[in-house]
C-alpha cells in the first residue's frame, strides 16, 4: 500500500514537502503526530490525525503517537485567538492515560510486528533541559525572523490582535521542533504529520533538524475538516463529540454520523473509515439510487461506531435509534443502559411521581392525569386509548384502568408514555 497515494484519493493531503513519497517508498519509516492532552479523551476532531497514523501503520510504517506532556504545559497558539489556561502535572498525567487507552483501539502497540506503534511523552526529554541549555542548544539555530513569519504568530501580533502573544506561546514552535529533532535522532523518525494549521510548527522541526544535524526530514498535513454548510466539524449543540462513552454515549456518537448530509457523508466515509475505494464508490452509488434510505450515512455510522466503540455498543445504538421510529420493543427498552435511554429521550417532557405511588399500584388513568399531566383529562385519555394511540413502555394500552406498579419501571425509575406516533413523555419516580 502506497501511503501517500492512499491519502490522496481519500482527500487527506493538504501540504506535503517535496520528496516525501520517494522517501517512504525506500522502506519502513517512522512518522509521528502529536496529541495535546487538554482533556482525558480525544474527540472526533482528533480522528483525522488518528486515521493518518492508522493508514501509516497499514502501509508498513511505524507510527509514533506523541502525547504532549511538556507542550501541554505551554499551549499551542495555532488557530487560537487568545492564550489558554496551563495544565498542572497531575491533570496532564490523567489526560495522557485516557488518550493512550483510546489510541490502542486504532493502533497496534503490543504485537511482535516490526512496525508496531510507539507512544512517547515529550516531557520525558524536555524535563532534562535547563533554560540556558535550551536557548543555547535549540534557540540559536532558528532566527526570530523565521519564527515571526509563521501564520500562528502573525495572527497573534498583528494589528487586529486583542492581547498579543506571550513568550511562552511564542516558544511553542521551538519546543515542537525539539520533539521532531529528538525523535529523528532516537527513533529515526523522518516524517511529522498533523492538521494544516500545524504546518508552520512542523516545518520549524524539519528546519531545526537540517541546521543542527544536516539530516533531511519531511512534513505532511491534512485539511481541516468542515461541514458542507461551512460550520465546524465535530461540534453539536451540546459541545464536542467525544470518543469516551462516558462523555458522549455510543447512541449519541452513532446519531452524529447518521445525521450528516449526503455531501458530507460521501467525504467522511473516505476519511474516517478504512473501507477501500471500490467499496466506497459502490456504497455511494447504491445510496444515490434511493437517498431517502440514507444507506451511505448508515454505513458510515456503522463503520466509525464499531471502530471507536464495540459491536454491542453499535447494536445498542441501532436499537435505540429504532425506538424513535416506532420499531422498538419493551424488551429493547428494558435492556437499554440508563445513559443511552436518557440520550434517546433527551428533551422529552418529564413528570416526577413519588415512588410510593407505584409501589402500591395505581391505575394508568390516575397516573397520567392525577399524578402527572400527560393527559389533560381521563376522557381525553380514554378516547385516545380506544383509537389505539397510547403506549406504555412501547406496549399498546388496551385498558386505561390498567394497574401500574414498580415492576413496570425501566432502569428502576422510568415509565415511557407515548401519545400518537411522535409525542413521548417520561414519568420518573423520586
Protein backbone atom coordinates (compact mmCIF):
# COMPACT_ATOMS: atom_id res chain seq x y z
CA UNK A 1 0.00 0.00 0.00
CA UNK A 2 1.38 3.40 -1.04
CA UNK A 3 0.69 5.66 1.94
CA UNK A 4 0.66 8.98 0.07
CA UNK A 5 -1.42 7.56 -2.77
CA UNK A 6 -3.92 6.19 -0.23
CA UNK A 7 -4.25 9.58 1.45
CA UNK A 8 -4.53 11.37 -1.88
CA UNK A 9 -7.64 9.53 -3.11
CA UNK A 10 -9.19 9.87 0.34
CA UNK A 11 -8.76 13.66 0.22
CA UNK A 12 -6.46 13.67 3.24
CA UNK A 13 -3.48 15.70 1.97
CA UNK A 14 -3.27 19.46 2.29
CA UNK A 15 0.50 20.12 2.18
CA UNK A 16 3.43 17.78 1.67
CA UNK A 17 7.14 18.52 1.39
CA UNK A 18 8.85 17.51 -1.86
CA UNK A 19 10.45 14.07 -1.73
CA UNK A 20 8.15 12.65 0.97
CA UNK A 21 6.62 9.97 -1.25
CA UNK A 22 10.02 8.93 -2.58
CA UNK A 23 11.44 8.68 0.94
CA UNK A 24 8.55 6.45 2.08
CA UNK A 25 8.97 4.17 -0.94
CA UNK A 26 12.50 3.26 0.18
CA UNK A 27 11.29 1.05 3.04
CA UNK A 28 9.86 1.13 6.54
CA UNK A 29 9.95 4.60 8.09
CA UNK A 30 8.85 6.15 11.38
CA UNK A 31 6.42 9.07 11.44
CA UNK A 32 4.72 10.88 14.28
CA UNK A 33 1.77 13.03 15.25
CA UNK A 34 1.45 14.97 18.49
CA UNK A 35 -1.71 14.95 20.61
CA UNK A 36 -2.31 17.79 23.03
CA UNK A 37 -3.55 16.34 26.36
CA UNK A 38 -6.02 19.12 27.21
CA UNK A 39 -8.69 16.52 28.14
CA UNK A 40 -8.72 12.87 29.22
CA UNK A 41 -10.43 11.88 25.96
CA UNK A 42 -9.95 12.55 22.29
CA UNK A 43 -12.92 13.85 20.30
CA UNK A 44 -13.80 13.34 16.66
CA UNK A 45 -11.85 16.45 15.72
CA UNK A 46 -8.74 14.37 16.52
CA UNK A 47 -9.83 11.43 14.41
CA UNK A 48 -8.26 12.66 11.17
CA UNK A 49 -4.85 12.53 12.85
CA UNK A 50 -5.65 9.10 14.32
CA UNK A 51 -6.62 7.85 10.86
CA UNK A 52 -3.34 9.18 9.44
CA UNK A 53 -1.42 7.02 11.91
CA UNK A 54 -3.68 4.04 11.24
CA UNK A 55 -3.08 4.24 7.47
CA UNK A 56 0.64 4.80 8.12
CA UNK A 57 0.83 1.52 10.05
CA UNK A 58 -1.27 -0.31 7.46
CA UNK A 59 1.24 0.84 4.84
CA UNK A 60 4.01 -0.97 6.73
CA UNK A 61 5.50 2.05 8.52
CA UNK A 62 5.96 2.70 12.26
CA UNK A 63 3.51 5.20 13.76
CA UNK A 64 4.59 7.22 16.78
CA UNK A 65 1.92 8.89 18.89
CA UNK A 66 3.40 11.71 20.92
CA UNK A 67 1.39 12.81 23.93
CA UNK A 68 2.49 16.33 24.75
CA UNK A 69 3.14 16.30 28.47
CA UNK A 70 5.59 19.20 28.04
CA UNK A 71 3.84 21.13 25.26
CA UNK A 72 0.54 20.73 27.13
CA UNK A 73 2.10 22.88 29.84
CA UNK A 74 2.64 25.70 27.32
CA UNK A 75 -0.34 25.78 24.97
CA UNK A 76 -0.23 25.67 21.17
CA UNK A 77 -1.09 29.09 19.67
CA UNK A 78 -2.11 27.59 16.29
CA UNK A 79 -5.68 28.56 15.46
CA UNK A 80 -6.16 30.25 18.84
CA UNK A 81 -7.13 33.89 19.31
CA UNK A 82 -6.12 34.06 22.96
CA UNK A 83 -3.83 32.31 25.42
CA UNK A 84 -5.37 29.38 27.25
CA UNK A 85 -5.00 28.17 30.82
CA UNK A 86 -1.99 25.99 31.54
CA UNK A 87 -2.48 22.49 32.94
CA UNK A 88 -0.87 21.08 36.07
CA UNK A 89 1.15 17.85 36.00
CA UNK A 90 -1.48 15.71 37.77
CA UNK A 91 -4.17 16.70 35.23
CA UNK A 92 -1.79 16.09 32.34
CA UNK A 93 -0.95 12.58 33.58
CA UNK A 94 -4.64 11.69 33.91
CA UNK A 95 -5.35 13.02 30.42
CA UNK A 96 -2.41 11.13 28.91
CA UNK A 97 -3.64 7.81 30.36
CA UNK A 98 -7.08 8.34 28.80
CA UNK A 99 -5.63 9.16 25.39
CA UNK A 100 -3.32 6.12 25.47
CA UNK A 101 -6.25 3.75 26.01
CA UNK A 102 -8.21 5.27 23.14
CA UNK A 103 -5.34 5.17 20.65
CA UNK A 104 -4.86 1.48 21.41
CA UNK A 105 -8.20 0.79 19.68
CA UNK A 106 -6.75 2.06 16.41
CA UNK A 107 -3.04 1.24 16.55
CA UNK A 108 -1.14 -1.97 17.31
CA UNK A 109 1.21 -1.18 20.20
CA UNK A 110 1.72 -4.71 21.51
CA UNK A 111 2.39 -7.26 18.77
CA UNK A 112 5.79 -8.52 17.65
CA UNK A 113 5.49 -6.94 14.21
CA UNK A 114 8.48 -4.74 13.33
CA UNK A 115 6.30 -1.68 12.76
CA UNK A 116 4.29 -1.84 15.98
CA UNK A 117 3.23 1.59 17.17
CA UNK A 118 5.15 3.56 19.77
CA UNK A 119 3.82 6.06 22.29
CA UNK A 120 6.09 8.72 23.74
CA UNK A 121 5.72 11.70 26.07
CA UNK A 122 7.78 14.77 25.26
CA UNK A 123 8.01 15.63 28.96
CA UNK A 124 10.47 12.73 29.27
CA UNK A 125 13.14 14.60 27.33
CA UNK A 126 12.07 18.23 27.76
CA UNK A 127 12.32 17.99 31.57
CA UNK A 128 16.09 17.48 31.20
CA UNK A 129 16.59 20.92 29.63
CA UNK A 130 17.56 23.96 31.66
CA UNK A 131 16.51 27.32 30.26
CA UNK A 132 20.07 28.24 29.38
CA UNK A 133 20.69 24.83 27.88
CA UNK A 134 17.59 25.10 25.70
CA UNK A 135 18.33 28.55 24.27
CA UNK A 136 21.96 27.54 23.58
CA UNK A 137 21.19 24.10 22.15
CA UNK A 138 17.99 24.91 20.22
CA UNK A 139 17.29 28.63 20.15
CA UNK A 140 20.50 29.64 18.36
CA UNK A 141 19.59 27.54 15.30
CA UNK A 142 16.26 29.27 14.48
CA UNK A 143 16.07 33.01 13.87
CA UNK A 144 13.37 35.27 15.26
CA UNK A 145 12.64 36.37 11.68
CA UNK A 146 11.89 32.75 10.76
CA UNK A 147 9.60 32.30 13.76
CA UNK A 148 7.79 35.61 13.13
CA UNK A 149 6.93 34.55 9.58
CA UNK A 150 4.61 31.76 10.79
CA UNK A 151 0.87 32.39 10.46
CA UNK A 152 0.21 31.25 14.04
CA UNK A 153 2.47 34.08 15.24
CA UNK A 154 1.42 36.77 12.74
CA UNK A 155 -2.26 36.40 13.63
CA UNK A 156 -1.50 37.00 17.29
CA UNK A 157 0.79 40.01 16.99
CA UNK A 158 -0.78 41.82 14.03
CA UNK A 159 -2.83 44.99 14.14
CA UNK A 160 -6.06 43.08 14.82
CA UNK A 161 -4.68 41.02 17.70
CA UNK A 162 -6.50 41.51 21.02
CA UNK A 163 -3.92 40.56 23.62
CA UNK A 164 -0.71 39.80 21.78
CA UNK A 165 1.34 36.70 22.48
CA UNK A 166 3.39 35.66 25.49
CA UNK A 167 6.97 34.46 25.13
CA UNK A 168 5.69 31.09 26.40
CA UNK A 169 3.47 30.59 23.37
CA UNK A 170 5.98 32.19 21.02
CA UNK A 171 8.46 29.48 22.03
CA UNK A 172 5.98 26.68 21.24
CA UNK A 173 7.29 26.03 17.74
CA UNK A 174 10.82 25.62 19.13
CA UNK A 175 9.59 23.04 21.64
CA UNK A 176 7.68 21.16 18.94
CA UNK A 177 10.73 21.36 16.70
CA UNK A 178 12.78 19.87 19.54
CA UNK A 179 10.35 16.94 19.67
CA UNK A 180 10.93 16.23 15.98
CA UNK A 181 14.70 16.53 16.46
CA UNK A 182 14.61 14.10 19.40
CA UNK A 183 12.51 11.52 17.54
CA UNK A 184 14.68 11.93 14.43
CA UNK A 185 17.80 11.23 16.48
CA UNK A 186 16.47 8.47 18.78
CA UNK A 187 13.92 6.67 16.57
CA UNK A 188 15.00 7.58 13.02
CA UNK A 189 11.66 9.42 12.69
CA UNK A 190 11.73 11.30 9.38
CA UNK A 191 8.12 12.40 8.98
CA UNK A 192 5.82 14.56 11.09
CA UNK A 193 2.11 14.77 10.26
CA UNK A 194 -0.76 16.88 11.53
CA UNK A 195 -3.57 19.25 10.63
CA UNK A 196 -2.95 22.03 8.13
CA UNK A 197 -2.82 24.59 10.98
CA UNK A 198 0.33 22.76 12.19
CA UNK A 199 2.35 23.32 9.01
CA UNK A 200 4.43 26.18 10.47
CA UNK A 201 5.30 24.23 13.62
CA UNK A 202 6.16 21.09 11.64
CA UNK A 203 8.48 22.75 9.14
CA UNK A 204 10.25 24.50 12.02
CA UNK A 205 11.17 20.97 13.08
CA UNK A 206 12.43 20.00 9.62
CA UNK A 207 14.49 23.21 9.54
CA UNK A 208 15.92 22.58 13.02
CA UNK A 209 16.93 19.04 12.00
CA UNK A 210 18.59 20.35 8.82
CA UNK A 211 20.53 23.10 10.61
CA UNK A 212 21.56 21.05 13.63
CA UNK A 213 22.30 17.64 12.08
CA UNK A 214 22.42 18.17 8.33
CA UNK A 215 19.74 15.48 8.02
CA UNK A 216 16.58 15.59 5.93
CA UNK A 217 13.11 15.33 7.45
CA UNK A 218 9.66 15.67 5.91
CA UNK A 219 6.22 17.10 6.64
CA UNK A 220 2.67 16.17 5.66
CA UNK A 221 -0.57 17.84 6.71
CA UNK A 222 -4.23 17.03 6.15
CA UNK A 223 -7.03 19.54 5.57
CA UNK A 224 -9.04 20.86 8.49
CA UNK A 225 -12.42 19.16 8.18
CA UNK A 226 -15.54 21.31 7.84
CA UNK A 227 -19.20 20.62 7.17
CA UNK A 228 -20.70 21.38 3.77
CA UNK A 229 -22.53 24.37 5.26
CA UNK A 230 -19.21 25.82 6.43
CA UNK A 231 -19.79 25.17 10.14
CA UNK A 232 -17.22 23.50 12.38
CA UNK A 233 -16.92 19.72 12.15
CA UNK A 234 -17.35 17.66 15.31
CA UNK A 235 -19.40 20.17 17.28
CA UNK A 236 -23.03 19.77 18.32
CA UNK A 237 -25.29 21.97 20.40
CA UNK A 238 -24.03 20.17 23.49
CA UNK A 239 -20.35 20.56 22.51
CA UNK A 240 -17.67 18.16 21.32
CA UNK A 241 -18.45 14.62 20.17
CA UNK A 242 -16.07 12.63 22.38
CA UNK A 243 -14.63 9.15 21.90
CA UNK A 244 -15.16 8.43 25.61
CA UNK A 245 -18.59 6.76 26.05
CA UNK A 246 -18.98 8.49 29.42
CA UNK A 247 -18.80 11.91 27.73
CA UNK A 248 -20.70 11.05 24.52
CA UNK A 249 -22.82 7.90 24.64
CA UNK A 250 -22.43 5.39 21.77
CA UNK A 251 -26.02 6.26 20.79
CA UNK A 252 -25.21 9.99 20.53
CA UNK A 253 -21.97 9.14 18.70
CA UNK A 254 -23.83 6.94 16.21
CA UNK A 255 -26.51 9.61 15.73
CA UNK A 256 -23.90 12.26 14.87
CA UNK A 257 -22.71 10.26 11.85
CA UNK A 258 -26.21 9.12 10.94
CA UNK A 259 -27.41 12.72 10.65
CA UNK A 260 -24.70 14.20 8.41
CA UNK A 261 -25.67 15.47 4.96
CA UNK A 262 -25.26 13.39 1.80
CA UNK A 263 -22.38 15.60 0.68
CA UNK A 264 -20.57 15.30 3.99
CA UNK A 265 -21.19 11.54 4.26
CA UNK A 266 -19.53 10.99 0.86
CA UNK A 267 -16.48 12.89 2.13
CA UNK A 268 -16.39 11.47 5.64
CA UNK A 269 -16.63 7.82 4.61
CA UNK A 270 -13.31 8.26 2.78
CA UNK A 271 -11.62 9.97 5.71
CA UNK A 272 -12.99 8.19 8.77
CA UNK A 273 -13.15 4.56 7.62
CA UNK A 274 -10.68 2.06 6.16
CA UNK A 275 -13.12 0.86 3.50
CA UNK A 276 -11.46 0.51 0.09
CA UNK A 277 -12.05 2.81 -2.85
CA UNK A 278 -14.21 0.38 -4.83
CA UNK A 279 -16.42 -0.44 -1.85
CA UNK A 280 -16.92 3.23 -1.02
CA UNK A 281 -17.85 4.03 -4.61
CA UNK A 282 -20.30 1.11 -4.58
CA UNK A 283 -21.96 2.34 -1.35
CA UNK A 284 -22.26 5.87 -2.75
CA UNK A 285 -23.74 4.53 -5.98
CA UNK A 286 -26.34 2.46 -4.10
CA UNK A 287 -27.16 5.42 -1.87
CA UNK A 288 -27.80 7.68 -4.85
CA UNK A 289 -30.48 5.29 -6.13
CA UNK A 290 -32.58 5.89 -3.01
CA UNK A 291 -31.10 8.77 -0.95
CA UNK A 292 -34.10 8.81 1.42
CA UNK A 293 -32.99 5.44 2.82
CA UNK A 294 -29.70 7.04 3.95
CA UNK A 295 -27.67 3.93 3.15
CA UNK A 296 -24.46 5.98 3.00
CA UNK A 297 -25.00 7.56 6.41
CA UNK A 298 -25.92 4.22 7.96
CA UNK A 299 -22.78 2.55 6.62
CA UNK A 300 -20.61 5.46 7.76
CA UNK A 301 -22.17 5.44 11.24
CA UNK A 302 -21.70 1.67 11.48
CA UNK A 303 -18.04 1.68 10.47
CA UNK A 304 -17.00 4.55 12.74
CA UNK A 305 -19.03 3.39 15.75
CA UNK A 306 -17.53 -0.11 15.50
CA UNK A 307 -14.05 1.37 15.23
CA UNK A 308 -14.41 3.61 18.28
CA UNK A 309 -16.73 1.52 20.47
CA UNK A 310 -17.78 -2.16 20.31
CA UNK A 311 -20.15 -4.46 18.46
CA UNK A 312 -22.60 -4.45 21.38
CA UNK A 313 -22.41 -0.64 21.64
CA UNK A 314 -23.17 -0.37 17.93
CA UNK A 315 -26.09 -2.79 18.14
CA UNK A 316 -27.45 -0.93 21.16
CA UNK A 317 -27.22 2.38 19.29
CA UNK A 318 -29.10 0.93 16.31
CA UNK A 319 -31.81 -0.47 18.57
CA UNK A 320 -32.10 2.84 20.40
CA UNK A 321 -32.45 4.64 17.07
CA UNK A 322 -35.25 2.29 16.04
CA UNK A 323 -37.27 3.11 19.15
CA UNK A 324 -37.94 6.66 17.98
CA UNK A 325 -39.12 5.37 14.60
CA UNK A 326 -41.72 3.02 16.00
CA UNK A 327 -39.75 -0.23 15.68
CA UNK A 328 -38.67 -0.52 19.29
CA UNK A 329 -39.94 -3.07 21.79
CA UNK A 330 -40.39 -3.25 25.54
CA UNK A 331 -37.52 -5.74 25.65
CA UNK A 332 -35.22 -3.23 23.92
CA UNK A 333 -36.16 -0.58 26.47
CA UNK A 334 -35.59 -2.90 29.42
CA UNK A 335 -32.04 -3.85 28.43
CA UNK A 336 -31.03 -0.32 27.43
CA UNK A 337 -28.49 1.35 29.79
CA UNK A 338 -29.85 4.39 31.60
CA UNK A 339 -27.35 6.74 29.90
CA UNK A 340 -28.50 5.59 26.46
CA UNK A 341 -32.15 5.71 27.48
CA UNK A 342 -31.76 9.33 28.63
CA UNK A 343 -29.85 10.21 25.46
CA UNK A 344 -32.64 8.86 23.27
CA UNK A 345 -35.33 10.78 25.14
CA UNK A 346 -33.37 13.95 25.81
CA UNK A 347 -35.74 16.92 25.75
CA UNK A 348 -38.88 14.81 26.27
CA UNK A 349 -41.26 16.24 28.95
CA UNK A 350 -40.60 14.62 32.34
CA UNK A 351 -43.07 14.28 35.22
CA UNK A 352 -41.87 13.44 38.73
CA UNK A 353 -44.03 10.99 40.69
CA UNK A 354 -43.30 9.78 44.27
CA UNK A 355 -42.03 6.21 44.31
CA UNK A 356 -44.67 5.07 46.79
CA UNK A 357 -47.43 5.77 44.24
CA UNK A 358 -46.13 2.91 42.08
CA UNK A 359 -45.05 0.71 44.96
CA UNK A 360 -48.69 0.31 45.99
CA UNK A 361 -50.03 0.26 42.40
CA UNK A 362 -52.07 2.91 40.60
CA UNK A 363 -54.39 2.96 37.58
CA UNK A 364 -52.76 4.26 34.44
CA UNK A 365 -55.56 6.81 34.08
CA UNK A 366 -54.85 8.25 37.53
CA UNK A 367 -51.10 8.15 36.93
CA UNK A 368 -51.44 10.16 33.69
CA UNK A 369 -53.98 12.74 34.92
CA UNK A 370 -53.91 12.99 38.74
CA UNK A 371 -50.22 12.32 39.46
CA UNK A 372 -48.91 13.86 36.20
CA UNK A 373 -50.19 15.89 33.29
CA UNK A 374 -49.55 13.50 30.40
CA UNK A 375 -53.26 13.97 29.59
CA UNK A 376 -55.48 16.92 30.41
CA UNK A 377 -58.34 14.63 31.44
CA UNK A 378 -59.31 10.98 31.77
CA UNK A 379 -61.84 11.48 28.98
CA UNK A 380 -59.12 12.58 26.55
CA UNK A 381 -57.01 9.59 27.55
CA UNK A 382 -59.88 7.08 27.15
CA UNK A 383 -60.68 8.38 23.66
CA UNK A 384 -57.06 8.05 22.55
CA UNK A 385 -56.76 4.56 24.10
CA UNK A 386 -59.86 3.45 22.18
CA UNK A 387 -58.23 4.67 18.97
CA UNK A 388 -55.07 2.65 19.71
CA UNK A 389 -52.97 5.79 20.19
CA UNK A 390 -51.48 5.23 23.65
CA UNK A 391 -48.46 3.07 24.53
CA UNK A 392 -46.74 2.35 27.82
CA UNK A 393 -43.10 1.25 27.50
CA UNK A 394 -43.80 0.59 23.81
CA UNK A 395 -46.73 -1.77 24.55
CA UNK A 396 -50.08 -0.55 23.24
CA UNK A 397 -52.52 0.22 26.04
CA UNK A 398 -55.89 -1.56 25.74
CA UNK A 399 -57.30 -0.64 29.14
CA UNK A 400 -56.90 2.88 30.64
CA UNK A 401 -57.56 1.40 34.11
CA UNK A 402 -54.55 -0.92 33.86
CA UNK A 403 -52.83 -1.17 37.25
CA UNK A 404 -49.24 0.07 37.01
CA UNK A 405 -46.73 -0.79 39.73
CA UNK A 406 -42.94 -0.79 40.25
CA UNK A 407 -42.49 -3.86 38.03
CA UNK A 408 -43.19 -1.64 35.01
CA UNK A 409 -40.27 0.68 35.72
CA UNK A 410 -37.39 0.90 33.26
CA UNK A 411 -33.96 1.11 34.90
CA UNK A 412 -35.88 1.06 38.18
CA UNK A 413 -37.01 4.67 37.71
CA UNK A 414 -38.82 5.44 34.45
CA UNK A 415 -42.04 4.88 32.56
CA UNK A 416 -42.29 5.82 28.89
CA UNK A 417 -45.68 7.08 27.69
CA UNK A 418 -46.44 7.67 24.04
CA UNK A 419 -49.38 9.64 22.61
CA UNK A 420 -49.84 9.10 18.91
CA UNK A 421 -46.73 8.41 16.84
CA UNK A 422 -44.33 11.12 17.96
CA UNK A 423 -45.34 12.51 21.36
CA UNK A 424 -43.31 10.97 24.17
CA UNK A 425 -43.45 11.62 27.92
CA UNK A 426 -41.35 10.28 30.78
CA UNK A 427 -42.60 9.59 34.27
CA UNK A 428 -39.71 9.41 36.73
CA UNK A 429 -40.05 8.16 40.27
CA UNK A 430 -38.49 10.20 43.03
